[in-house]
N, C-alpha and C. Protein backbone atom coordinates (compact mmCIF):
# COMPACT_ATOMS: atom_id res chain seq x y z
N MET A 1 14.69 3.06 2.64
CA MET A 1 13.99 2.27 1.75
C MET A 1 14.65 1.02 1.77
N SER A 2 13.45 -0.10 2.33
CA SER A 2 13.49 -1.35 2.03
C SER A 2 13.41 -2.09 0.76
N LYS A 3 14.25 -2.94 0.50
CA LYS A 3 14.26 -3.68 -0.68
C LYS A 3 13.66 -5.19 -0.48
N LYS A 4 13.34 -5.47 0.65
CA LYS A 4 12.77 -6.76 0.99
C LYS A 4 11.53 -6.75 0.37
N LYS A 5 11.12 -7.63 -0.40
CA LYS A 5 9.66 -7.61 -1.03
C LYS A 5 9.04 -8.58 -0.15
N GLY A 6 7.67 -8.29 -0.16
CA GLY A 6 6.69 -8.99 0.94
C GLY A 6 6.43 -8.51 2.33
N GLN A 7 7.21 -7.75 2.29
CA GLN A 7 6.98 -7.01 4.14
C GLN A 7 6.35 -5.63 4.05
N ILE A 8 5.73 -5.22 3.01
CA ILE A 8 4.95 -3.94 2.95
C ILE A 8 3.58 -4.19 2.94
N ARG A 9 3.10 -3.63 3.33
CA ARG A 9 1.10 -3.13 3.40
C ARG A 9 0.99 -2.00 2.38
N VAL A 10 0.22 -2.32 1.24
CA VAL A 10 -0.03 -1.10 0.61
C VAL A 10 -1.59 -0.97 0.54
N THR A 11 -2.02 0.27 1.21
CA THR A 11 -3.63 0.45 1.40
C THR A 11 -3.77 1.35 0.36
N VAL A 12 -5.13 1.09 -0.69
CA VAL A 12 -5.58 2.46 -1.19
C VAL A 12 -7.01 2.64 -0.90
N TYR A 13 -7.25 3.99 -0.33
CA TYR A 13 -8.62 4.44 0.04
C TYR A 13 -9.23 4.89 -1.23
N PRO A 14 -10.21 3.80 -1.57
CA PRO A 14 -10.77 4.49 -2.96
C PRO A 14 -11.80 5.27 -3.05
N ASP A 15 -12.20 5.76 -1.76
CA ASP A 15 -13.20 6.93 -1.47
C ASP A 15 -12.20 8.19 -2.10
N TRP A 16 -11.12 8.07 -1.55
CA TRP A 16 -10.54 9.28 -1.84
C TRP A 16 -9.66 9.41 -2.95
N CYS A 17 -9.57 8.35 -3.78
CA CYS A 17 -8.52 8.33 -5.05
C CYS A 17 -9.83 8.91 -6.16
N LYS A 18 -8.96 9.72 -6.98
CA LYS A 18 -9.45 10.06 -8.20
C LYS A 18 -9.52 9.37 -9.26
N GLY A 19 -8.40 8.77 -9.29
CA GLY A 19 -8.17 7.67 -10.43
C GLY A 19 -7.08 8.71 -11.38
N CYS A 20 -6.30 9.20 -10.94
CA CYS A 20 -5.19 10.05 -11.65
C CYS A 20 -4.04 9.14 -12.62
N GLY A 21 -3.86 7.90 -11.91
CA GLY A 21 -3.41 7.09 -12.47
C GLY A 21 -1.38 7.45 -12.17
N LEU A 22 -1.20 8.51 -11.10
CA LEU A 22 0.15 8.66 -11.28
C LEU A 22 0.86 7.58 -10.22
N CYS A 23 0.65 6.79 -9.34
CA CYS A 23 0.73 6.08 -8.55
C CYS A 23 1.02 4.71 -9.50
N ALA A 24 0.18 4.47 -10.40
CA ALA A 24 0.05 3.23 -11.37
C ALA A 24 1.60 3.34 -12.35
N ALA A 25 1.50 4.64 -12.74
CA ALA A 25 2.38 4.99 -13.94
C ALA A 25 3.67 4.82 -13.56
N PHE A 26 3.86 5.29 -12.40
CA PHE A 26 5.50 5.38 -11.92
C PHE A 26 6.00 4.25 -11.11
N CYS A 27 5.00 3.36 -10.59
CA CYS A 27 5.42 2.25 -9.70
C CYS A 27 6.52 1.40 -10.15
N PRO A 28 8.00 1.14 -9.71
CA PRO A 28 8.82 0.60 -10.47
C PRO A 28 8.55 -0.75 -10.29
N ALA A 29 7.55 -1.32 -9.32
CA ALA A 29 7.56 -2.82 -9.18
C ALA A 29 6.24 -3.12 -9.84
N LYS A 30 5.38 -2.05 -10.38
CA LYS A 30 3.91 -2.38 -11.16
C LYS A 30 3.15 -2.97 -9.83
N VAL A 31 3.13 -2.48 -8.85
CA VAL A 31 2.42 -3.09 -7.67
C VAL A 31 0.55 -2.61 -7.77
N LEU A 32 0.82 -1.30 -8.27
CA LEU A 32 -0.28 -0.65 -8.58
C LEU A 32 -1.10 -0.75 -9.90
N GLU A 33 -2.28 -0.80 -10.04
CA GLU A 33 -3.27 -0.61 -11.33
C GLU A 33 -4.40 0.26 -11.15
N VAL A 34 -4.82 0.96 -12.20
CA VAL A 34 -5.84 1.64 -12.13
C VAL A 34 -7.05 0.54 -12.80
N GLY A 35 -8.08 -0.05 -12.04
CA GLY A 35 -8.90 -0.73 -12.10
C GLY A 35 -10.14 -0.46 -12.94
N PRO A 36 -11.18 -1.04 -13.37
CA PRO A 36 -12.24 -0.77 -14.40
C PRO A 36 -13.08 0.50 -13.56
N ASP A 37 -13.00 0.43 -12.40
CA ASP A 37 -13.82 1.35 -11.98
C ASP A 37 -13.16 2.81 -11.74
N GLY A 38 -11.73 2.61 -12.16
CA GLY A 38 -10.90 4.07 -12.53
C GLY A 38 -10.19 4.53 -11.21
N LYS A 39 -9.97 3.60 -10.28
CA LYS A 39 -9.85 3.81 -8.85
C LYS A 39 -8.33 2.95 -8.90
N ALA A 40 -7.46 3.42 -8.33
CA ALA A 40 -6.28 2.29 -8.25
C ALA A 40 -6.37 1.40 -7.13
N ARG A 41 -5.49 0.59 -7.30
CA ARG A 41 -5.59 -0.94 -6.32
C ARG A 41 -4.50 -1.18 -6.30
N ALA A 42 -4.00 -1.91 -5.26
CA ALA A 42 -2.79 -2.74 -5.22
C ALA A 42 -2.85 -4.17 -5.69
N VAL A 43 -2.37 -4.56 -6.66
CA VAL A 43 -2.70 -5.89 -7.17
C VAL A 43 -1.31 -6.97 -7.24
N ARG A 44 -0.21 -6.33 -6.77
CA ARG A 44 1.04 -7.23 -6.94
C ARG A 44 1.62 -6.53 -5.24
N GLU A 45 0.94 -6.53 -4.20
CA GLU A 45 1.44 -5.93 -2.80
C GLU A 45 2.70 -6.91 -2.46
N GLU A 46 2.76 -8.07 -2.87
CA GLU A 46 3.98 -8.89 -2.30
C GLU A 46 5.27 -8.22 -3.23
N ASP A 47 5.14 -7.67 -4.39
CA ASP A 47 6.21 -7.28 -5.01
C ASP A 47 6.58 -5.78 -4.60
N CYS A 48 6.14 -4.87 -3.78
CA CYS A 48 6.21 -3.71 -3.45
C CYS A 48 7.78 -3.64 -2.63
N VAL A 49 8.57 -2.67 -3.02
CA VAL A 49 9.91 -2.39 -2.70
C VAL A 49 10.06 -1.18 -1.73
N ASP A 50 8.88 -0.48 -1.41
CA ASP A 50 8.86 0.29 -0.30
C ASP A 50 9.50 1.36 -0.88
N CYS A 51 9.66 1.96 -1.78
CA CYS A 51 10.10 3.39 -2.56
C CYS A 51 9.26 4.48 -2.11
N GLY A 52 8.12 4.32 -1.82
CA GLY A 52 7.51 5.44 -1.26
C GLY A 52 6.70 6.53 -2.24
N PHE A 53 7.27 6.13 -3.60
CA PHE A 53 6.75 6.99 -4.71
C PHE A 53 5.25 7.38 -4.43
N CYS A 54 4.37 6.00 -4.58
CA CYS A 54 3.10 6.26 -4.62
C CYS A 54 2.35 6.85 -3.49
N GLU A 55 2.92 6.94 -2.13
CA GLU A 55 2.30 7.48 -1.15
C GLU A 55 2.42 9.05 -1.17
N LEU A 56 4.02 9.47 -1.51
CA LEU A 56 4.42 10.87 -1.41
C LEU A 56 3.57 11.91 -2.81
N HIS A 57 3.45 10.95 -3.61
CA HIS A 57 2.78 11.71 -4.81
C HIS A 57 1.52 11.71 -4.95
N CYS A 58 0.64 10.97 -4.62
CA CYS A 58 -0.80 10.85 -4.51
C CYS A 58 -1.20 12.27 -4.14
N PRO A 59 -1.94 12.93 -5.14
CA PRO A 59 -2.29 14.35 -4.82
C PRO A 59 -3.70 14.08 -3.83
N ASP A 60 -4.21 12.93 -3.57
CA ASP A 60 -5.33 12.94 -2.76
C ASP A 60 -5.05 12.37 -1.36
N PHE A 61 -3.82 11.68 -1.05
CA PHE A 61 -3.52 11.35 0.35
C PHE A 61 -4.22 10.00 0.09
N ALA A 62 -4.55 9.35 -0.92
CA ALA A 62 -5.69 7.89 -0.84
C ALA A 62 -4.53 6.79 -0.79
N ILE A 63 -3.05 6.87 -0.62
CA ILE A 63 -2.34 5.62 -0.56
C ILE A 63 -1.57 5.72 0.75
N LEU A 64 -1.69 4.55 1.26
CA LEU A 64 -0.81 4.36 2.48
C LEU A 64 0.23 3.27 2.54
N VAL A 65 1.31 3.55 2.77
CA VAL A 65 2.40 2.13 2.54
C VAL A 65 2.98 2.17 4.18
N THR A 66 2.95 0.89 4.55
CA THR A 66 3.12 0.62 5.98
C THR A 66 3.65 -0.81 6.05
N PRO A 67 4.86 -0.91 6.72
CA PRO A 67 5.45 -2.05 7.15
C PRO A 67 4.44 -3.44 7.68
N LYS A 68 4.27 -4.48 7.03
CA LYS A 68 3.55 -5.40 7.58
C LYS A 68 4.10 -5.93 9.03
N ASP A 69 3.37 -5.88 9.96
CA ASP A 69 3.87 -5.92 11.32
C ASP A 69 3.32 -7.48 11.75
N LYS A 70 4.28 -8.45 12.04
CA LYS A 70 4.05 -9.66 12.39
C LYS A 70 3.31 -9.72 14.03
N SER A 71 3.33 -8.56 14.52
CA SER A 71 2.66 -8.51 16.16
C SER A 71 1.30 -7.77 15.83
N ARG A 72 0.78 -7.72 14.56
CA ARG A 72 -0.73 -7.37 14.65
C ARG A 72 -1.37 -8.52 14.04
N ARG A 73 -2.71 -8.59 14.51
CA ARG A 73 -3.70 -9.71 13.91
C ARG A 73 -4.30 -8.89 12.43
N LYS A 74 -5.03 -10.01 11.75
CA LYS A 74 -5.52 -9.33 10.42
C LYS A 74 -6.36 -8.04 10.55
N ASP A 75 -7.08 -8.15 11.69
CA ASP A 75 -8.12 -7.01 11.87
C ASP A 75 -7.29 -5.80 12.06
N ASP A 76 -5.81 -5.61 12.41
CA ASP A 76 -5.17 -4.60 12.82
C ASP A 76 -5.15 -4.10 13.99
N THR A 77 -5.66 -4.92 15.07
CA THR A 77 -5.44 -4.76 16.54
C THR A 77 -4.43 -5.44 17.20
N PRO A 78 -3.37 -4.81 17.87
CA PRO A 78 -2.38 -5.41 18.38
C PRO A 78 -2.50 -6.58 19.17
N VAL A 79 -1.68 -7.43 18.95
CA VAL A 79 -1.49 -8.64 19.71
C VAL A 79 -0.99 -8.42 21.37
N PRO A 80 -1.75 -9.11 22.12
CA PRO A 80 -1.22 -8.61 23.48
C PRO A 80 -0.07 -9.24 24.13
N ALA A 81 0.82 -8.58 24.88
CA ALA A 81 1.94 -9.47 25.16
C ALA A 81 1.83 -10.44 26.08
N ALA A 82 2.59 -11.28 26.03
CA ALA A 82 2.53 -12.50 27.23
C ALA A 82 2.27 -12.18 28.61
N GLY A 83 1.19 -12.47 29.02
CA GLY A 83 0.89 -12.16 30.56
C GLY A 83 0.03 -10.74 30.77
N GLU A 84 -0.48 -10.68 29.82
CA GLU A 84 -1.76 -9.62 29.65
C GLU A 84 -2.90 -9.98 29.63
């Protein structure tokens, strides 16, 4: 478990989320909230401490917690290595 804030990406798949609120209720860094649409969303992703609670306890598998990789573009495609 990393305690370095700002190095984690929290992805919530709204089509899968049923809005139970477990993730928001138990997030120690208050990264997640349930929005007006009843779905979870990452509102303070930069505060994530990578505890993994939300991902492991989501009954709908609607949350993915991954490291922010500087070798990837914003569209999530790998950056080619030099000479490729």
